[in-house]
Amino acid sequence: MLNNLTAKYNVQMEIRALGNTGIDVSELSFGTVALGLPYGIGIHGESDMLSDADSISLLRAALSRGLNFYDTALGYGKSENLLGRAFNDCREKVVICTKPTHLYDIYANQSLPPKAEIRAKLDASLQESLSRLQTDYLDVYMSHDGTEEVIENDTVIDFFQNLKKKGIIRATGISVYTLAQSLKAIEGGQWDVVQLAFNLMNQEQLPAIDLAAAKGVGIVVRSILFKGILTDKGAGLHPALNSVQEHRKKYNELLNGRINNLSALATKFVLSCEGVSSALVGIDKFEYLERALLTADGNHLDDGTLEKAKQLAYPDPEFLNLPVWERKGWLT
């Protein structure tokens, strides 16, 4: 499978600057959560996942085709271990972003712990991640807790900045949820990279992406396919999502001979937005990697199509709340 996959494509993936970090990354980044733990529709246990050997082959196949940016986290099961095993002999060729443990105790309250506990949690997370990844440095170390409280917390900021000064990490990062959080992180100047959710349907974060381009902050986009709704799987949604179902049909007018399916359109839309450094794609099958390679061919949307796509954002972004939909059973 590896030889067939790596021999099939002639187009090398586009490489972009990760803001002003000095790090160059592939326009698609490899999301590894599904390699590390049971994750996603139809995945109920390890028997539904790739074997460790196949996961390592998949990671190396991606690198051989120019995908050099890998996103993981301490909480993603064994994914850090797999990355360490896959790239221990070529560490300098890959860009790794990982994330420490969550600082909030979600089962108690939503306030940060005392300063000493924050530092202890972050330091313990760092040491464990370095060990699992078989490396002595991280390219991007990204806080998983992108609340406004964390974004401005001096203890958190000092910890990340000190790691950068010591050369243990090359860039600081934070994963955010709301537009207000994104803007605060970008304007603050302490965070080199911001990860946010943005896609063809929910374009609420577009002002943050524009600001990041002006400020030299790297933007990594997640949820580009909106939990599969912006793919062929998105047909036949729960009746409560009829308005979303109908809105999907509007994107058909943007399809053509070169872009003939919704997932390709959704991916190319994100990659066509100035300010996006890389789009995060979850990959846990060779066929998913193949599909990503076919889409990320360096050909982006022309200005006219891009503008039409921006005008086709869903009109009520507050309704597009996947966690709420999951709690209500609308995504089963």
C-alpha atoms as a PDB file:
ATOM      1  CA  MET A   1       0.000   0.000   0.000  1.00  0.00           C
ATOM      2  CA  LEU A   2       2.810   2.417   0.910  1.00  0.00           C
ATOM      3  CA  ASN A   3       4.661   1.978  -2.399  1.00  0.00           C
ATOM      4  CA  ASN A   4       1.464   2.299  -4.447  1.00  0.00           C
ATOM      5  CA  LEU A   5       0.454   5.436  -2.577  1.00  0.00           C
ATOM      6  CA  THR A   6       3.760   7.250  -2.777  1.00  0.00           C
ATOM      7  CA  ALA A   7       4.221   6.445  -6.461  1.00  0.00           C
ATOM      8  CA  LYS A   8       0.772   7.621  -7.541  1.00  0.00           C
ATOM      9  CA  TYR A   9       1.143  11.394  -7.297  1.00  0.00           C
ATOM     10  CA  ASN A  10       3.375  13.816  -9.135  1.00  0.00           C
ATOM     11  CA  VAL A  11       2.206  17.035  -7.441  1.00  0.00           C
ATOM     12  CA  GLN A  12       4.027  17.930  -4.235  1.00  0.00           C
ATOM     13  CA  MET A  13       1.993  19.587  -1.536  1.00  0.00           C
ATOM     14  CA  GLU A  14       2.292  23.365  -1.172  1.00  0.00           C
ATOM     15  CA  ILE A  15       4.443  24.598   1.705  1.00  0.00           C
ATOM     16  CA  ARG A  16       3.459  27.751   3.595  1.00  0.00           C
ATOM     17  CA  ALA A  17       4.939  29.966   6.282  1.00  0.00           C
ATOM     18  CA  LEU A  18       3.467  29.394   9.746  1.00  0.00           C
ATOM     19  CA  GLY A  19       3.006  33.091  10.410  1.00  0.00           C
ATOM     20  CA  ASN A  20       6.256  34.758  11.491  1.00  0.00           C
ATOM     21  CA  THR A  21       7.570  31.701  13.348  1.00  0.00           C
ATOM     22  CA  GLY A  22      10.182  30.839  10.701  1.00  0.00           C
ATOM     23  CA  ILE A  23       8.591  27.391  10.421  1.00  0.00           C
ATOM     24  CA  ASP A  24       7.396  26.152   7.027  1.00  0.00           C
ATOM     25  CA  VAL A  25       4.467  23.733   7.014  1.00  0.00           C
ATOM     26  CA  SER A  26       2.453  21.774   4.482  1.00  0.00           C
ATOM     27  CA  GLU A  27      -0.885  23.332   3.590  1.00  0.00           C
ATOM     28  CA  LEU A  28      -2.563  20.246   5.044  1.00  0.00           C
ATOM     29  CA  SER A  29      -1.699  19.075   8.537  1.00  0.00           C
ATOM     30  CA  PHE A  30      -2.176  15.484   9.693  1.00  0.00           C
ATOM     31  CA  GLY A  31      -4.574  15.143  12.629  1.00  0.00           C
ATOM     32  CA  THR A  32      -3.586  12.070  14.622  1.00  0.00           C
ATOM     33  CA  VAL A  33      -6.298  11.723  17.270  1.00  0.00           C
ATOM     34  CA  ALA A  34      -7.931   8.763  15.485  1.00  0.00           C
ATOM     35  CA  LEU A  35      -4.600   6.927  15.386  1.00  0.00           C
ATOM     36  CA  GLY A  36      -4.273   7.221  19.142  1.00  0.00           C
ATOM     37  CA  LEU A  37      -7.709   6.351  20.506  1.00  0.00           C
ATOM     38  CA  PRO A  38     -11.150   5.195  19.320  1.00  0.00           C
ATOM     39  CA  TYR A  39     -12.577   8.304  17.687  1.00  0.00           C
ATOM     40  CA  GLY A  40     -15.228   9.035  15.117  1.00  0.00           C
ATOM     41  CA  ILE A  41     -18.362   7.467  13.716  1.00  0.00           C
ATOM     42  CA  GLY A  42     -18.304   3.675  13.743  1.00  0.00           C
ATOM     43  CA  ILE A  43     -15.116   3.430  15.828  1.00  0.00           C
ATOM     44  CA  HIS A  44     -15.908   1.653  19.089  1.00  0.00           C
ATOM     45  CA  GLY A  45     -12.592   0.150  20.177  1.00  0.00           C
ATOM     46  CA  GLU A  46      -9.028  -0.700  19.174  1.00  0.00           C
ATOM     47  CA  SER A  47     -10.261  -3.485  16.899  1.00  0.00           C
ATOM     48  CA  ASP A  48     -11.745  -0.774  14.641  1.00  0.00           C
ATOM     49  CA  MET A  49      -8.452   1.149  14.497  1.00  0.00           C
ATOM     50  CA  LEU A  50      -5.303   0.716  12.410  1.00  0.00           C
ATOM     51  CA  SER A  51      -2.599  -1.459  13.894  1.00  0.00           C
ATOM     52  CA  ASP A  52       0.480   0.326  15.212  1.00  0.00           C
ATOM     53  CA  ALA A  53       2.533  -0.914  12.253  1.00  0.00           C
ATOM     54  CA  ASP A  54      -0.010   0.370   9.718  1.00  0.00           C
ATOM     55  CA  SER A  55      -0.319   3.687  11.571  1.00  0.00           C
ATOM     56  CA  ILE A  56       3.449   4.175  11.372  1.00  0.00           C
ATOM     57  CA  SER A  57       3.403   3.286   7.653  1.00  0.00           C
ATOM     58  CA  LEU A  58       0.602   5.797   7.113  1.00  0.00           C
ATOM     59  CA  LEU A  59       2.507   8.562   8.899  1.00  0.00           C
ATOM     60  CA  ARG A  60       5.650   7.904   6.888  1.00  0.00           C
ATOM     61  CA  ALA A  61       3.665   7.714   3.644  1.00  0.00           C
ATOM     62  CA  ALA A  62       2.248  11.160   4.364  1.00  0.00           C
ATOM     63  CA  LEU A  63       5.724  12.588   4.927  1.00  0.00           C
ATOM     64  CA  SER A  64       7.016  11.043   1.707  1.00  0.00           C
ATOM     65  CA  ARG A  65       4.362  12.979  -0.214  1.00  0.00           C
ATOM     66  CA  GLY A  66       5.195  16.344   1.359  1.00  0.00           C
ATOM     67  CA  LEU A  67       2.827  16.434   4.346  1.00  0.00           C
ATOM     68  CA  ASN A  68       5.236  17.540   7.063  1.00  0.00           C
ATOM     69  CA  PHE A  69       2.940  18.985   9.771  1.00  0.00           C
ATOM     70  CA  TYR A  70       1.520  16.652  12.461  1.00  0.00           C
ATOM     71  CA  ASP A  71      -0.986  17.627  15.153  1.00  0.00           C
ATOM     72  CA  THR A  72      -1.250  15.594  18.344  1.00  0.00           C
ATOM     73  CA  ALA A  73      -1.801  16.007  22.092  1.00  0.00           C
ATOM     74  CA  LEU A  74      -0.962  14.322  25.351  1.00  0.00           C
ATOM     75  CA  GLY A  75      -4.625  13.360  25.608  1.00  0.00           C
ATOM     76  CA  TYR A  76      -4.781  11.650  22.194  1.00  0.00           C
ATOM     77  CA  GLY A  77      -4.080   8.153  23.503  1.00  0.00           C
ATOM     78  CA  LYS A  78      -0.987   6.599  21.929  1.00  0.00           C
ATOM     79  CA  SER A  79      -0.669   9.059  19.036  1.00  0.00           C
ATOM     80  CA  GLU A  80       2.444  10.772  20.453  1.00  0.00           C
ATOM     81  CA  ASN A  81       4.118   7.380  20.856  1.00  0.00           C
ATOM     82  CA  LEU A  82       3.313   6.490  17.237  1.00  0.00           C
ATOM     83  CA  LEU A  83       4.767   9.773  15.984  1.00  0.00           C
ATOM     84  CA  GLY A  84       7.905   9.182  18.019  1.00  0.00           C
ATOM     85  CA  ARG A  85       8.354   5.725  16.525  1.00  0.00           C
ATOM     86  CA  ALA A  86       7.550   6.885  12.987  1.00  0.00           C
ATOM     87  CA  PHE A  87       9.921   9.845  12.895  1.00  0.00           C
ATOM     88  CA  ASN A  88      12.700   9.145  15.395  1.00  0.00           C
ATOM     89  CA  ASP A  89      15.180   8.757  12.511  1.00  0.00           C
ATOM     90  CA  CYS A  90      14.059  11.882  10.611  1.00  0.00           C
ATOM     91  CA  ARG A  91      12.910  14.292  13.314  1.00  0.00           C
ATOM     92  CA  GLU A  92      14.268  17.346  11.501  1.00  0.00           C
ATOM     93  CA  LYS A  93      11.971  16.700   8.524  1.00  0.00           C
ATOM     94  CA  VAL A  94       8.711  16.958  10.450  1.00  0.00           C
ATOM     95  CA  VAL A  95       6.888  19.755  12.252  1.00  0.00           C
ATOM     96  CA  ILE A  96       5.133  18.509  15.385  1.00  0.00           C
ATOM     97  CA  CYS A  97       2.462  20.365  17.316  1.00  0.00           C
ATOM     98  CA  THR A  98       1.360  18.856  20.597  1.00  0.00           C
ATOM     99  CA  LYS A  99      -0.736  20.046  23.516  1.00  0.00           C
ATOM    100  CA  PRO A 100      -0.483  19.642  27.295  1.00  0.00           C
ATOM    101  CA  THR A 101      -3.162  18.393  29.635  1.00  0.00           C
ATOM    102  CA  HIS A 102      -6.196  20.572  30.218  1.00  0.00           C
ATOM    103  CA  LEU A 103      -5.726  23.060  33.041  1.00  0.00           C
ATOM    104  CA  TYR A 104      -9.383  23.244  33.986  1.00  0.00           C
ATOM    105  CA  ASP A 105     -11.038  20.634  36.174  1.00  0.00           C
ATOM    106  CA  ILE A 106     -14.170  20.181  34.084  1.00  0.00           C
ATOM    107  CA  TYR A 107     -15.755  18.010  36.756  1.00  0.00           C
ATOM    108  CA  ALA A 108     -15.408  20.616  39.505  1.00  0.00           C
ATOM    109  CA  ASN A 109     -15.491  24.159  38.184  1.00  0.00           C
ATOM    110  CA  GLN A 110     -14.279  26.288  35.315  1.00  0.00           C
ATOM    111  CA  SER A 111     -11.652  28.294  37.174  1.00  0.00           C
ATOM    112  CA  LEU A 112      -7.926  27.892  36.768  1.00  0.00           C
ATOM    113  CA  PRO A 113      -5.929  26.167  39.529  1.00  0.00           C
ATOM    114  CA  PRO A 114      -3.322  28.072  41.592  1.00  0.00           C
ATOM    115  CA  LYS A 115      -0.135  29.271  39.892  1.00  0.00           C
ATOM    116  CA  ALA A 116       2.061  26.493  41.285  1.00  0.00           C
ATOM    117  CA  GLU A 117      -0.369  23.845  40.089  1.00  0.00           C
ATOM    118  CA  ILE A 118      -0.538  25.406  36.622  1.00  0.00           C
ATOM    119  CA  ARG A 119       3.249  25.277  36.311  1.00  0.00           C
ATOM    120  CA  ALA A 120       3.386  21.723  37.651  1.00  0.00           C
ATOM    121  CA  LYS A 121       0.728  20.477  35.233  1.00  0.00           C
ATOM    122  CA  LEU A 122       2.352  22.129  32.235  1.00  0.00           C
ATOM    123  CA  ASP A 123       5.847  20.935  33.145  1.00  0.00           C
ATOM    124  CA  ALA A 124       4.727  17.344  33.739  1.00  0.00           C
ATOM    125  CA  SER A 125       2.858  17.383  30.421  1.00  0.00           C
ATOM    126  CA  LEU A 126       5.881  18.728  28.589  1.00  0.00           C
ATOM    127  CA  GLN A 127       8.262  16.091  29.954  1.00  0.00           C
ATOM    128  CA  GLU A 128       5.854  13.270  29.128  1.00  0.00           C
ATOM    129  CA  SER A 129       5.263  14.526  25.593  1.00  0.00           C
ATOM    130  CA  LEU A 130       9.001  14.888  24.900  1.00  0.00           C
ATOM    131  CA  SER A 131       9.543  11.326  26.097  1.00  0.00           C
ATOM    132  CA  ARG A 132       6.690   9.876  24.041  1.00  0.00           C
ATOM    133  CA  LEU A 133       7.714  11.782  20.912  1.00  0.00           C
ATOM    134  CA  GLN A 134      11.386  10.747  21.343  1.00  0.00           C
ATOM    135  CA  THR A 135      12.574  14.320  20.902  1.00  0.00           C
ATOM    136  CA  ASP A 136      14.224  17.089  22.889  1.00  0.00           C
ATOM    137  CA  TYR A 137      12.233  19.938  21.366  1.00  0.00           C
ATOM    138  CA  LEU A 138       8.748  20.737  20.055  1.00  0.00           C
ATOM    139  CA  ASP A 139       8.003  22.821  17.007  1.00  0.00           C
ATOM    140  CA  VAL A 140       4.678  24.142  18.352  1.00  0.00           C
ATOM    141  CA  TYR A 141       3.440  23.727  21.916  1.00  0.00           C
ATOM    142  CA  MET A 142      -0.238  24.615  21.995  1.00  0.00           C
ATOM    143  CA  SER A 143      -2.489  25.204  24.967  1.00  0.00           C
ATOM    144  CA  HIS A 144      -5.690  23.196  24.697  1.00  0.00           C
ATOM    145  CA  ASP A 145      -7.561  25.699  26.920  1.00  0.00           C
ATOM    146  CA  GLY A 146      -8.125  28.754  24.749  1.00  0.00           C
ATOM    147  CA  THR A 147     -10.409  30.660  27.069  1.00  0.00           C
ATOM    148  CA  GLU A 148      -9.912  34.387  27.467  1.00  0.00           C
ATOM    149  CA  GLU A 149      -8.704  33.712  31.015  1.00  0.00           C
ATOM    150  CA  VAL A 150      -5.915  31.435  29.779  1.00  0.00           C
ATOM    151  CA  ILE A 151      -5.023  33.647  26.813  1.00  0.00           C
ATOM    152  CA  GLU A 152      -4.151  36.492  29.209  1.00  0.00           C
ATOM    153  CA  ASN A 153      -2.903  34.475  32.198  1.00  0.00           C
ATOM    154  CA  ASP A 154       0.620  35.608  33.141  1.00  0.00           C
ATOM    155  CA  THR A 155       1.603  32.232  34.617  1.00  0.00           C
ATOM    156  CA  VAL A 156       0.623  30.379  31.443  1.00  0.00           C
ATOM    157  CA  ILE A 157       2.199  32.962  29.163  1.00  0.00           C
ATOM    158  CA  ASP A 158       5.465  33.022  31.140  1.00  0.00           C
ATOM    159  CA  PHE A 159       5.711  29.228  31.058  1.00  0.00           C
ATOM    160  CA  PHE A 160       5.336  29.069  27.275  1.00  0.00           C
ATOM    161  CA  GLN A 161       7.593  32.074  26.643  1.00  0.00           C
ATOM    162  CA  ASN A 162      10.361  30.655  28.851  1.00  0.00           C
ATOM    163  CA  LEU A 163      10.251  27.374  26.917  1.00  0.00           C
ATOM    164  CA  LYS A 164      10.680  29.344  23.720  1.00  0.00           C
ATOM    165  CA  LYS A 165      13.618  31.345  25.103  1.00  0.00           C
ATOM    166  CA  LYS A 166      15.324  28.093  26.142  1.00  0.00           C
ATOM    167  CA  GLY A 167      14.818  26.561  22.692  1.00  0.00           C
ATOM    168  CA  ILE A 168      12.651  23.739  24.025  1.00  0.00           C
ATOM    169  CA  ILE A 169       9.812  24.914  21.784  1.00  0.00           C
ATOM    170  CA  ARG A 170      10.050  26.881  18.562  1.00  0.00           C
ATOM    171  CA  ALA A 171       6.628  28.521  18.744  1.00  0.00           C
ATOM    172  CA  THR A 172       3.814  29.071  21.214  1.00  0.00           C
ATOM    173  CA  GLY A 173       0.265  28.136  20.281  1.00  0.00           C
ATOM    174  CA  ILE A 174      -3.282  28.186  21.588  1.00  0.00           C
ATOM    175  CA  SER A 175      -6.453  26.419  20.477  1.00  0.00           C
ATOM    176  CA  VAL A 176      -9.536  28.649  20.674  1.00  0.00           C
ATOM    177  CA  TYR A 177     -13.287  28.352  20.177  1.00  0.00           C
ATOM    178  CA  THR A 178     -14.918  31.757  19.767  1.00  0.00           C
ATOM    179  CA  LEU A 179     -14.149  34.748  17.575  1.00  0.00           C
ATOM    180  CA  ALA A 180     -13.579  36.898  20.672  1.00  0.00           C
ATOM    181  CA  GLN A 181     -10.944  34.437  21.916  1.00  0.00           C
ATOM    182  CA  SER A 182      -9.231  34.346  18.522  1.00  0.00           C
ATOM    183  CA  LEU A 183      -9.028  38.125  18.276  1.00  0.00           C
ATOM    184  CA  LYS A 184      -7.700  38.435  21.827  1.00  0.00           C
ATOM    185  CA  ALA A 185      -5.013  35.808  21.232  1.00  0.00           C
ATOM    186  CA  ILE A 186      -3.905  37.401  17.972  1.00  0.00           C
ATOM    187  CA  GLU A 187      -3.915  40.960  19.281  1.00  0.00           C
ATOM    188  CA  GLY A 188      -2.052  40.049  22.488  1.00  0.00           C
ATOM    189  CA  GLY A 189       1.186  39.213  20.693  1.00  0.00           C
ATOM    190  CA  GLN A 190       2.092  36.333  23.040  1.00  0.00           C
ATOM    191  CA  TRP A 191       0.808  33.481  20.875  1.00  0.00           C
ATOM    192  CA  ASP A 192       2.612  32.648  17.640  1.00  0.00           C
ATOM    193  CA  VAL A 193       0.043  30.161  16.343  1.00  0.00           C
ATOM    194  CA  VAL A 194      -3.732  30.008  16.799  1.00  0.00           C
ATOM    195  CA  GLN A 195      -5.843  26.958  16.005  1.00  0.00           C
ATOM    196  CA  LEU A 196      -9.517  27.668  15.316  1.00  0.00           C
ATOM    197  CA  ALA A 197     -12.608  26.126  13.710  1.00  0.00           C
ATOM    198  CA  PHE A 198     -13.536  27.515  10.301  1.00  0.00           C
ATOM    199  CA  ASN A 199     -15.278  26.072   7.279  1.00  0.00           C
ATOM    200  CA  LEU A 200     -17.422  26.745   4.246  1.00  0.00           C
ATOM    201  CA  MET A 201     -20.604  26.806   6.316  1.00  0.00           C
ATOM    202  CA  ASN A 202     -19.379  28.509   9.501  1.00  0.00           C
ATOM    203  CA  GLN A 203     -17.209  31.471   8.503  1.00  0.00           C
ATOM    204  CA  GLU A 204     -17.523  33.392  11.759  1.00  0.00           C
ATOM    205  CA  GLN A 205     -13.739  33.326  12.291  1.00  0.00           C
ATOM    206  CA  LEU A 206     -12.916  35.074   9.012  1.00  0.00           C
ATOM    207  CA  PRO A 207     -12.103  38.433  10.715  1.00  0.00           C
ATOM    208  CA  ALA A 208      -9.586  36.641  12.952  1.00  0.00           C
ATOM    209  CA  ILE A 209      -7.935  34.988   9.965  1.00  0.00           C
ATOM    210  CA  ASP A 210      -7.659  38.367   8.242  1.00  0.00           C
ATOM    211  CA  LEU A 211      -6.168  39.925  11.389  1.00  0.00           C
ATOM    212  CA  ALA A 212      -3.685  37.070  11.758  1.00  0.00           C
ATOM    213  CA  ALA A 213      -2.454  37.665   8.212  1.00  0.00           C
ATOM    214  CA  ALA A 214      -1.770  41.300   9.092  1.00  0.00           C
ATOM    215  CA  LYS A 215      -0.108  40.463  12.428  1.00  0.00           C
ATOM    216  CA  GLY A 216       2.026  37.534  11.240  1.00  0.00           C
ATOM    217  CA  VAL A 217       0.279  34.963  13.437  1.00  0.00           C
ATOM    218  CA  GLY A 218       0.060  31.446  12.063  1.00  0.00           C
ATOM    219  CA  ILE A 219      -3.454  30.055  11.639  1.00  0.00           C
ATOM    220  CA  VAL A 220      -4.209  26.340  11.730  1.00  0.00           C
ATOM    221  CA  VAL A 221      -7.813  25.552  10.835  1.00  0.00           C
ATOM    222  CA  ARG A 222      -9.738  22.579  12.215  1.00  0.00           C
ATOM    223  CA  SER A 223     -13.268  21.324  11.416  1.00  0.00           C
ATOM    224  CA  ILE A 224     -12.850  22.067   7.714  1.00  0.00           C
ATOM    225  CA  LEU A 225     -15.373  19.351   6.800  1.00  0.00           C
ATOM    226  CA  PHE A 226     -17.687  20.181   9.718  1.00  0.00           C
ATOM    227  CA  LYS A 227     -17.942  16.690  11.212  1.00  0.00           C
ATOM    228  CA  GLY A 228     -18.543  15.199   7.758  1.00  0.00           C
ATOM    229  CA  ILE A 229     -21.528  17.451   7.007  1.00  0.00           C
ATOM    230  CA  LEU A 230     -19.488  19.067   4.215  1.00  0.00           C
ATOM    231  CA  THR A 231     -18.940  15.698   2.540  1.00  0.00           C
ATOM    232  CA  ASP A 232     -21.130  13.192   0.756  1.00  0.00           C
ATOM    233  CA  LYS A 233     -21.876  11.731   4.201  1.00  0.00           C
ATOM    234  CA  GLY A 234     -23.690  14.935   5.124  1.00  0.00           C
ATOM    235  CA  ALA A 235     -26.855  13.985   3.253  1.00  0.00           C
ATOM    236  CA  GLY A 236     -29.780  12.694   5.328  1.00  0.00           C
ATOM    237  CA  LEU A 237     -29.294  14.706   8.509  1.00  0.00           C
ATOM    238  CA  HIS A 238     -31.611  14.658  11.527  1.00  0.00           C
ATOM    239  CA  PRO A 239     -34.914  16.516  10.864  1.00  0.00           C
ATOM    240  CA  ALA A 240     -33.884  19.187  13.385  1.00  0.00           C
ATOM    241  CA  LEU A 241     -31.080  20.076  10.961  1.00  0.00           C
ATOM    242  CA  ASN A 242     -33.268  20.482   7.884  1.00  0.00           C
ATOM    243  CA  SER A 243     -32.140  24.084   7.442  1.00  0.00           C
ATOM    244  CA  VAL A 244     -28.518  22.914   7.376  1.00  0.00           C
ATOM    245  CA  GLN A 245     -29.433  20.119   4.973  1.00  0.00           C
ATOM    246  CA  GLU A 246     -31.065  22.586   2.586  1.00  0.00           C
ATOM    247  CA  HIS A 247     -28.183  25.036   2.860  1.00  0.00           C
ATOM    248  CA  ARG A 248     -25.714  22.327   1.771  1.00  0.00           C
ATOM    249  CA  LYS A 249     -27.463  22.201  -1.609  1.00  0.00           C
ATOM    250  CA  LYS A 250     -26.455  25.800  -2.339  1.00  0.00           C
ATOM    251  CA  TYR A 251     -22.832  24.735  -2.672  1.00  0.00           C
ATOM    252  CA  ASN A 252     -23.636  22.587  -5.709  1.00  0.00           C
ATOM    253  CA  GLU A 253     -23.545  25.725  -7.859  1.00  0.00           C
ATOM    254  CA  LEU A 254     -19.825  26.031  -7.116  1.00  0.00           C
ATOM    255  CA  LEU A 255     -18.974  22.513  -8.267  1.00  0.00           C
ATOM    256  CA  ASN A 256     -17.441  21.995 -11.697  1.00  0.00           C
ATOM    257  CA  GLY A 257     -15.282  19.602 -13.660  1.00  0.00           C
ATOM    258  CA  ARG A 258     -12.207  20.424 -11.590  1.00  0.00           C
ATOM    259  CA  ILE A 259     -13.974  20.441  -8.198  1.00  0.00           C
ATOM    260  CA  ASN A 260     -16.664  17.793  -8.419  1.00  0.00           C
ATOM    261  CA  ASN A 261     -17.525  17.015  -4.799  1.00  0.00           C
ATOM    262  CA  LEU A 262     -18.381  18.947  -1.656  1.00  0.00           C
ATOM    263  CA  SER A 263     -15.432  17.794   0.469  1.00  0.00           C
ATOM    264  CA  ALA A 264     -12.948  18.973  -2.172  1.00  0.00           C
ATOM    265  CA  LEU A 265     -14.748  22.325  -2.390  1.00  0.00           C
ATOM    266  CA  ALA A 266     -14.758  22.693   1.403  1.00  0.00           C
ATOM    267  CA  THR A 267     -11.049  21.899   1.650  1.00  0.00           C
ATOM    268  CA  LYS A 268     -10.049  24.194  -1.206  1.00  0.00           C
ATOM    269  CA  PHE A 269     -12.179  26.989   0.271  1.00  0.00           C
ATOM    270  CA  VAL A 270     -10.201  26.971   3.526  1.00  0.00           C
ATOM    271  CA  LEU A 271      -6.877  26.707   1.711  1.00  0.00           C
ATOM    272  CA  SER A 272      -7.831  29.628  -0.543  1.00  0.00           C
ATOM    273  CA  CYS A 273      -8.342  32.065   2.349  1.00  0.00           C
ATOM    274  CA  GLU A 274      -5.358  34.353   2.837  1.00  0.00           C
ATOM    275  CA  GLY A 275      -3.968  33.991   6.324  1.00  0.00           C
ATOM    276  CA  VAL A 276      -4.494  30.235   6.640  1.00  0.00           C
ATOM    277  CA  SER A 277      -1.182  28.486   7.181  1.00  0.00           C
ATOM    278  CA  SER A 278      -2.497  24.937   7.283  1.00  0.00           C
ATOM    279  CA  ALA A 279      -5.791  23.037   7.335  1.00  0.00           C
ATOM    280  CA  LEU A 280      -6.061  20.158   9.790  1.00  0.00           C
ATOM    281  CA  VAL A 281      -7.391  16.878   8.398  1.00  0.00           C
ATOM    282  CA  GLY A 282      -8.022  13.785  10.491  1.00  0.00           C
ATOM    283  CA  ILE A 283      -6.417  10.817   8.753  1.00  0.00           C
ATOM    284  CA  ASP A 284      -6.662   7.223   9.938  1.00  0.00           C
ATOM    285  CA  LYS A 285      -6.908   5.334   6.646  1.00  0.00           C
ATOM    286  CA  PHE A 286      -4.717   5.198   3.550  1.00  0.00           C
ATOM    287  CA  GLU A 287      -7.755   6.113   1.446  1.00  0.00           C
ATOM    288  CA  TYR A 288      -8.208   9.304   3.495  1.00  0.00           C
ATOM    289  CA  LEU A 289      -4.600  10.245   2.861  1.00  0.00           C
ATOM    290  CA  GLU A 290      -5.083   9.535  -0.836  1.00  0.00           C
ATOM    291  CA  ARG A 291      -8.155  11.755  -0.909  1.00  0.00           C
ATOM    292  CA  ALA A 292      -6.281  14.564   0.869  1.00  0.00           C
ATOM    293  CA  LEU A 293      -3.402  14.358  -1.591  1.00  0.00           C
ATOM    294  CA  LEU A 294      -5.760  14.566  -4.547  1.00  0.00           C
ATOM    295  CA  THR A 295      -7.426  17.667  -3.103  1.00  0.00           C
ATOM    296  CA  ALA A 296      -4.311  19.543  -1.952  1.00  0.00           C
ATOM    297  CA  ASP A 297      -2.900  19.864  -5.461  1.00  0.00           C
ATOM    298  CA  GLY A 298      -1.884  23.518  -5.264  1.00  0.00           C
ATOM    299  CA  ASN A 299      -4.926  24.634  -7.270  1.00  0.00           C
ATOM    300  CA  HIS A 300      -7.088  26.916  -5.163  1.00  0.00           C
ATOM    301  CA  LEU A 301     -10.371  28.697  -5.804  1.00  0.00           C
ATOM    302  CA  ASP A 302     -10.258  31.625  -8.193  1.00  0.00           C
ATOM    303  CA  ASP A 303     -11.225  35.014  -6.780  1.00  0.00           C
ATOM    304  CA  GLY A 304     -14.751  34.901  -8.156  1.00  0.00           C
ATOM    305  CA  THR A 305     -15.528  31.439  -6.775  1.00  0.00           C
ATOM    306  CA  LEU A 306     -13.952  32.323  -3.433  1.00  0.00           C
ATOM    307  CA  GLU A 307     -16.134  35.408  -3.120  1.00  0.00           C
ATOM    308  CA  LYS A 308     -19.266  33.405  -3.981  1.00  0.00           C
ATOM    309  CA  ALA A 309     -18.305  30.822  -1.369  1.00  0.00           C
ATOM    310  CA  LYS A 310     -17.912  33.528   1.276  1.00  0.00           C
ATOM    311  CA  GLN A 311     -21.396  34.784   0.440  1.00  0.00           C
ATOM    312  CA  LEU A 312     -22.800  31.286   1.007  1.00  0.00           C
ATOM    313  CA  ALA A 313     -21.956  31.052   4.695  1.00  0.00           C
ATOM    314  CA  TYR A 314     -24.802  29.720   6.827  1.00  0.00           C
ATOM    315  CA  PRO A 315     -26.794  32.777   8.000  1.00  0.00           C
ATOM    316  CA  ASP A 316     -27.023  31.765  11.684  1.00  0.00           C
ATOM    317  CA  PRO A 317     -23.554  30.654  12.860  1.00  0.00           C
ATOM    318  CA  GLU A 318     -24.672  30.404  16.495  1.00  0.00           C
ATOM    319  CA  PHE A 319     -26.894  27.484  15.512  1.00  0.00           C
ATOM    320  CA  LEU A 320     -23.880  25.589  14.116  1.00  0.00           C
ATOM    321  CA  ASN A 321     -22.910  24.147  17.497  1.00  0.00           C
ATOM    322  CA  LEU A 322     -21.689  20.562  17.137  1.00  0.00           C
ATOM    323  CA  PRO A 323     -21.434  19.782  20.886  1.00  0.00           C
ATOM    324  CA  VAL A 324     -25.059  20.844  21.363  1.00  0.00           C
ATOM    325  CA  TRP A 325     -26.125  18.750  18.386  1.00  0.00           C
ATOM    326  CA  GLU A 326     -24.306  15.736  19.810  1.00  0.00           C
ATOM    327  CA  ARG A 327     -25.949  16.143  23.226  1.00  0.00           C
ATOM    328  CA  LYS A 328     -29.361  16.298  21.575  1.00  0.00           C
ATOM    329  CA  GLY A 329     -28.674  13.191  19.517  1.00  0.00           C
ATOM    330  CA  TRP A 330     -28.854  14.971  16.173  1.00  0.00           C
ATOM    331  CA  LEU A 331     -25.555  13.544  14.861  1.00  0.00           C
ATOM    332  CA  THR A 332     -26.230   9.842  15.377  1.00  0.00           C
END
